Amino acid sequence: MNKPCPECGETFVGRSDKVYCSSYCRTTHYNRTHGDASRFMRNINNVLRKNRRILASFNPTGKARVHRKQLADAGFKFGYFTNTYRTKAGKVYYFCYEQGYLPLDQDYFALVIRQEYVD
């Protein structure tokens, strides 16, 4: 059965359910149609992973205190986090995956590692 490839337009012979003439055309078509969304998500995930690495580097023991300027100088972006946790007392922890921080007074942050009982 001769069919045209939706990516390059060349006709090819193959199984009846084959859509593209080659793996190259299949991946090229996918990347072209999904590229913008993938790029956006990839950039956000890169920022989140960097934030996580920065928090982990300042928090080797599981609990630490650090100034906002130190985090900012390391490239931390405060607007990016994966989730929040509100305590019964009303304090809000911000998490980048399992690494978290709690804003304190005078631009300091308490750094923590997420515990299993925190959902």
C-alpha atoms as a PDB file:
ATOM      1  CA  MET A   1       0.000   0.000   0.000  1.00  0.00           C
ATOM      2  CA  ASN A   2       1.473   3.354  -1.059  1.00  0.00           C
ATOM      3  CA  LYS A   3       0.721   6.240   1.299  1.00  0.00           C
ATOM      4  CA  PRO A   4       2.147   9.757   1.573  1.00  0.00           C
ATOM      5  CA  CYS A   5       4.141  10.606   4.684  1.00  0.00           C
ATOM      6  CA  PRO A   6       2.418  13.472   6.567  1.00  0.00           C
ATOM      7  CA  GLU A   7       5.795  15.065   7.353  1.00  0.00           C
ATOM      8  CA  CYS A   8       7.797  14.947   4.115  1.00  0.00           C
ATOM      9  CA  GLY A   9       5.068  14.032   1.607  1.00  0.00           C
ATOM     10  CA  GLU A  10       6.984  11.140   0.024  1.00  0.00           C
ATOM     11  CA  THR A  11       5.078   7.953  -0.655  1.00  0.00           C
ATOM     12  CA  PHE A  12       6.217   4.789   1.081  1.00  0.00           C
ATOM     13  CA  VAL A  13       5.329   1.130   1.317  1.00  0.00           C
ATOM     14  CA  GLY A  14       4.785  -0.503   4.685  1.00  0.00           C
ATOM     15  CA  ARG A  15       2.300  -1.998   7.090  1.00  0.00           C
ATOM     16  CA  SER A  16      -1.268  -0.811   6.761  1.00  0.00           C
ATOM     17  CA  ASP A  17      -1.071   1.072  10.099  1.00  0.00           C
ATOM     18  CA  LYS A  18       2.277   2.745   9.392  1.00  0.00           C
ATOM     19  CA  VAL A  19       1.882   6.526   9.283  1.00  0.00           C
ATOM     20  CA  TYR A  20       5.386   7.935   8.655  1.00  0.00           C
ATOM     21  CA  CYS A  21       8.061   6.832   6.204  1.00  0.00           C
ATOM     22  CA  SER A  22      10.834   6.849   8.833  1.00  0.00           C
ATOM     23  CA  SER A  23      11.608   7.414  12.501  1.00  0.00           C
ATOM     24  CA  TYR A  24      13.160  10.733  11.533  1.00  0.00           C
ATOM     25  CA  CYS A  25       9.875  11.982  10.016  1.00  0.00           C
ATOM     26  CA  ARG A  26       7.889  10.674  13.002  1.00  0.00           C
ATOM     27  CA  THR A  27      10.047  12.495  15.576  1.00  0.00           C
ATOM     28  CA  THR A  28      10.325  15.627  13.435  1.00  0.00           C
ATOM     29  CA  HIS A  29       6.557  15.807  13.110  1.00  0.00           C
ATOM     30  CA  TYR A  30       6.041  15.269  16.849  1.00  0.00           C
ATOM     31  CA  ASN A  31       8.649  17.877  17.810  1.00  0.00           C
ATOM     32  CA  ARG A  32       7.216  20.408  15.371  1.00  0.00           C
ATOM     33  CA  THR A  33       3.638  19.980  16.620  1.00  0.00           C
ATOM     34  CA  HIS A  34       4.501  19.784  20.343  1.00  0.00           C
ATOM     35  CA  GLY A  35       7.608  21.970  20.446  1.00  0.00           C
ATOM     36  CA  ASP A  36       6.211  25.132  22.013  1.00  0.00           C
ATOM     37  CA  ALA A  37       4.471  23.406  24.910  1.00  0.00           C
ATOM     38  CA  SER A  38       7.429  21.109  25.483  1.00  0.00           C
ATOM     39  CA  ARG A  39       9.882  24.006  25.484  1.00  0.00           C
ATOM     40  CA  PHE A  40       7.762  25.965  27.966  1.00  0.00           C
ATOM     41  CA  MET A  41       7.445  22.996  30.329  1.00  0.00           C
ATOM     42  CA  ARG A  42      11.137  22.157  29.941  1.00  0.00           C
ATOM     43  CA  ASN A  43      12.107  25.718  30.922  1.00  0.00           C
ATOM     44  CA  ILE A  44       9.836  25.649  33.986  1.00  0.00           C
ATOM     45  CA  ASN A  45      11.195  22.253  35.050  1.00  0.00           C
ATOM     46  CA  ASN A  46      14.751  23.515  34.652  1.00  0.00           C
ATOM     47  CA  VAL A  47      13.999  26.446  36.991  1.00  0.00           C
ATOM     48  CA  LEU A  48      12.380  24.111  39.531  1.00  0.00           C
ATOM     49  CA  ARG A  49      15.327  21.689  39.450  1.00  0.00           C
ATOM     50  CA  LYS A  50      17.771  24.576  39.873  1.00  0.00           C
ATOM     51  CA  ASN A  51      15.773  25.905  42.838  1.00  0.00           C
ATOM     52  CA  ARG A  52      15.835  22.414  44.379  1.00  0.00           C
ATOM     53  CA  ARG A  53      19.617  22.131  43.923  1.00  0.00           C
ATOM     54  CA  ILE A  54      20.149  25.550  45.515  1.00  0.00           C
ATOM     55  CA  LEU A  55      17.974  24.689  48.521  1.00  0.00           C
ATOM     56  CA  ALA A  56      19.757  21.341  48.935  1.00  0.00           C
ATOM     57  CA  SER A  57      23.184  22.992  48.789  1.00  0.00           C
ATOM     58  CA  PHE A  58      22.271  25.374  51.636  1.00  0.00           C
ATOM     59  CA  ASN A  59      20.580  22.602  53.639  1.00  0.00           C
ATOM     60  CA  PRO A  60      22.910  19.577  53.938  1.00  0.00           C
ATOM     61  CA  THR A  61      21.648  18.503  57.386  1.00  0.00           C
ATOM     62  CA  GLY A  62      17.895  18.781  56.845  1.00  0.00           C
ATOM     63  CA  LYS A  63      17.336  22.056  58.721  1.00  0.00           C
ATOM     64  CA  ALA A  64      19.064  25.360  58.105  1.00  0.00           C
ATOM     65  CA  ARG A  65      18.565  29.113  58.158  1.00  0.00           C
ATOM     66  CA  VAL A  66      19.619  31.311  55.259  1.00  0.00           C
ATOM     67  CA  HIS A  67      19.202  34.933  54.180  1.00  0.00           C
ATOM     68  CA  ARG A  68      17.220  35.884  51.083  1.00  0.00           C
ATOM     69  CA  LYS A  69      20.290  37.529  49.513  1.00  0.00           C
ATOM     70  CA  GLN A  70      22.271  34.277  49.679  1.00  0.00           C
ATOM     71  CA  LEU A  71      19.516  32.413  47.835  1.00  0.00           C
ATOM     72  CA  ALA A  72      19.085  35.201  45.287  1.00  0.00           C
ATOM     73  CA  ASP A  73      22.837  35.401  44.667  1.00  0.00           C
ATOM     74  CA  ALA A  74      22.835  31.662  43.946  1.00  0.00           C
ATOM     75  CA  GLY A  75      20.138  32.205  41.300  1.00  0.00           C
ATOM     76  CA  PHE A  76      17.081  31.082  43.281  1.00  0.00           C
ATOM     77  CA  LYS A  77      13.753  32.222  41.765  1.00  0.00           C
ATOM     78  CA  PHE A  78      11.184  32.679  44.520  1.00  0.00           C
ATOM     79  CA  GLY A  79       8.150  32.608  42.226  1.00  0.00           C
ATOM     80  CA  TYR A  80       8.749  28.980  41.225  1.00  0.00           C
ATOM     81  CA  PHE A  81       7.810  26.129  43.553  1.00  0.00           C
ATOM     82  CA  THR A  82       6.009  22.803  43.192  1.00  0.00           C
ATOM     83  CA  ASN A  83       3.619  23.035  46.132  1.00  0.00           C
ATOM     84  CA  THR A  84       2.851  24.681  49.456  1.00  0.00           C
ATOM     85  CA  TYR A  85       2.030  23.371  52.913  1.00  0.00           C
ATOM     86  CA  ARG A  86       0.044  25.377  55.454  1.00  0.00           C
ATOM     87  CA  THR A  87       0.469  24.468  59.112  1.00  0.00           C
ATOM     88  CA  LYS A  88      -2.301  24.656  61.685  1.00  0.00           C
ATOM     89  CA  ALA A  89      -0.651  27.849  62.951  1.00  0.00           C
ATOM     90  CA  GLY A  90      -1.048  29.397  59.481  1.00  0.00           C
ATOM     91  CA  LYS A  91       2.614  29.303  58.402  1.00  0.00           C
ATOM     92  CA  VAL A  92       3.138  28.523  54.722  1.00  0.00           C
ATOM     93  CA  TYR A  93       6.049  26.350  53.593  1.00  0.00           C
ATOM     94  CA  TYR A  94       7.021  26.479  49.910  1.00  0.00           C
ATOM     95  CA  PHE A  95       8.494  23.347  48.346  1.00  0.00           C
ATOM     96  CA  CYS A  96      10.592  22.596  45.300  1.00  0.00           C
ATOM     97  CA  TYR A  97       9.992  18.869  45.219  1.00  0.00           C
ATOM     98  CA  GLU A  98      11.129  17.670  48.681  1.00  0.00           C
ATOM     99  CA  GLN A  99      13.243  20.738  49.527  1.00  0.00           C
ATOM    100  CA  GLY A 100      11.270  23.460  51.271  1.00  0.00           C
ATOM    101  CA  TYR A 101      11.563  26.890  52.824  1.00  0.00           C
ATOM    102  CA  LEU A 102       9.586  28.976  55.280  1.00  0.00           C
ATOM    103  CA  PRO A 103       9.828  32.784  55.192  1.00  0.00           C
ATOM    104  CA  LEU A 104      10.964  34.176  58.546  1.00  0.00           C
ATOM    105  CA  ASP A 105      11.499  37.694  59.865  1.00  0.00           C
ATOM    106  CA  GLN A 106      14.169  40.040  58.467  1.00  0.00           C
ATOM    107  CA  ASP A 107      14.421  38.268  55.071  1.00  0.00           C
ATOM    108  CA  TYR A 108      15.573  34.962  56.517  1.00  0.00           C
ATOM    109  CA  PHE A 109      14.263  31.546  55.512  1.00  0.00           C
ATOM    110  CA  ALA A 110      14.096  28.285  57.411  1.00  0.00           C
ATOM    111  CA  LEU A 111      15.094  25.463  55.068  1.00  0.00           C
ATOM    112  CA  VAL A 112      13.585  22.025  55.590  1.00  0.00           C
ATOM    113  CA  ILE A 113      13.263  18.676  53.872  1.00  0.00           C
ATOM    114  CA  ARG A 114       9.732  17.434  53.367  1.00  0.00           C
ATOM    115  CA  GLN A 115       8.671  14.709  55.771  1.00  0.00           C
ATOM    116  CA  GLU A 116       6.515  11.743  54.746  1.00  0.00           C
ATOM    117  CA  TYR A 117       3.576  12.891  56.867  1.00  0.00           C
ATOM    118  CA  VAL A 118       3.356  16.219  54.977  1.00  0.00           C
ATOM    119  CA  ASP A 119       0.919  15.903  52.059  1.00  0.00           C
END
